[in-house]
Protein backbone atom coordinates (compact mmCIF):
# COMPACT_ATOMS: atom_id res chain seq x y z
CA MET A 1 7.48 -45.06 -13.50
CA ALA A 2 6.36 -46.95 -10.23
CA LYS A 3 8.23 -46.27 -7.08
CA TYR A 4 9.00 -50.09 -7.14
CA ASP A 5 9.61 -50.87 -11.02
CA SER A 6 13.74 -50.25 -10.63
CA LEU A 7 13.47 -53.17 -7.75
CA PHE A 8 11.35 -55.17 -10.42
CA LYS A 9 14.16 -54.68 -13.01
CA PHE A 10 16.87 -55.39 -10.74
CA LEU A 11 15.37 -58.48 -9.80
CA CYS A 12 14.47 -59.65 -13.46
CA GLU A 13 18.30 -59.00 -14.66
CA ALA A 14 19.64 -60.84 -11.73
CA GLY A 15 20.49 -64.12 -12.75
CA ASP A 16 19.11 -67.37 -11.52
CA SER A 17 20.47 -67.29 -8.27
CA PRO A 18 18.77 -66.18 -4.93
CA VAL A 19 19.26 -62.35 -4.05
CA VAL A 20 20.53 -60.83 -0.87
CA MET A 21 19.95 -57.29 -0.40
CA THR A 22 20.35 -54.67 2.12
CA PHE A 23 17.76 -52.06 2.50
CA ALA A 24 20.19 -49.56 1.68
CA GLU A 25 20.73 -51.08 -1.99
CA ILE A 26 17.28 -51.20 -2.35
CA GLU A 27 16.80 -47.67 -1.08
CA LEU A 28 19.66 -47.02 -4.28
CA LEU A 29 16.68 -48.42 -6.35
CA VAL A 30 13.71 -46.96 -4.93
CA GLY A 31 14.10 -44.42 -2.80
CA PRO A 32 13.38 -44.10 1.27
CA LEU A 33 11.62 -47.29 2.36
CA PRO A 34 8.42 -46.74 4.65
CA ALA A 35 8.74 -46.74 8.05
CA ALA A 36 6.82 -50.27 8.07
CA ALA A 37 9.51 -52.16 6.09
CA ARG A 38 12.02 -51.39 9.07
CA ARG A 39 9.25 -52.27 11.66
CA TYR A 40 6.78 -55.17 10.35
CA GLN A 41 7.74 -58.40 8.90
CA ALA A 42 4.31 -58.69 7.05
CA TRP A 43 5.61 -55.24 4.99
CA TRP A 44 7.95 -57.97 3.33
CA SER A 45 5.41 -60.82 3.28
CA ASN A 46 4.57 -62.70 -0.22
CA GLU A 47 0.86 -61.89 -1.21
CA GLY A 48 -1.23 -64.08 -3.45
CA ALA A 49 -3.08 -61.82 -6.53
CA GLY A 50 -5.54 -59.57 -5.67
CA THR A 51 -4.08 -58.86 -2.30
CA GLN A 52 -0.65 -57.63 -3.31
CA HIS A 53 1.14 -54.35 -2.20
CA VAL A 54 3.03 -52.67 -4.73
CA GLN A 55 6.13 -53.80 -2.80
CA ALA A 56 5.23 -57.73 -3.07
CA ARG A 57 4.33 -57.39 -7.19
CA ALA A 58 7.61 -56.21 -7.38
CA TRP A 59 9.29 -59.24 -6.28
CA MET A 60 6.49 -61.52 -7.10
CA ASN A 61 6.34 -60.32 -10.67
CA SER A 62 9.92 -61.26 -10.88
CA GLY A 63 9.53 -64.57 -10.41
CA ARG A 64 10.97 -64.44 -6.85
CA GLU A 65 9.92 -64.68 -3.25
CA VAL A 66 11.25 -63.19 -0.03
CA GLU A 67 12.84 -66.34 1.43
CA SER A 68 14.08 -64.29 4.89
CA ILE A 69 14.05 -60.86 6.37
CA ASP A 70 16.44 -59.93 9.01
CA ARG A 71 14.93 -56.13 10.24
CA ALA A 72 17.85 -56.26 12.90
CA ALA A 73 20.50 -56.55 10.22
CA GLU A 74 18.30 -54.59 7.56
CA ARG A 75 19.02 -57.32 4.71
CA VAL A 76 16.33 -59.42 2.74
CA ARG A 77 17.33 -62.67 0.79
CA PHE A 78 15.15 -62.88 -2.17
CA SER A 79 14.56 -66.25 -3.69
CA ALA A 80 15.79 -67.76 -7.20
CA PRO A 81 13.27 -67.16 -9.79
CA SER A 82 10.47 -69.30 -10.38
CA TRP A 83 8.02 -68.85 -12.98
CA ARG A 84 4.33 -69.91 -11.63
CA ARG A 85 1.16 -69.36 -14.07
CA GLY A 86 -0.21 -66.07 -14.18
CA ALA A 87 2.78 -64.57 -13.69
């Protein structure tokens, strides 16, 4: 099982509304986040196919995108799911 598979599964099962999660809640699913998740906004970027990092693949493949990230509060908001061609 890949590190972010449990986040993917959680987001797939989270219903049709946006999902707000703390970093701690994500870490309960995937284990410790890398330091870059707390340091760099770019770690949370929604990337196109072919350039996706494993973490972005987890939320993008669940039909969601990161709408906002508050690194100081350690909180991320994922969009409601929307299915894109090729997802």
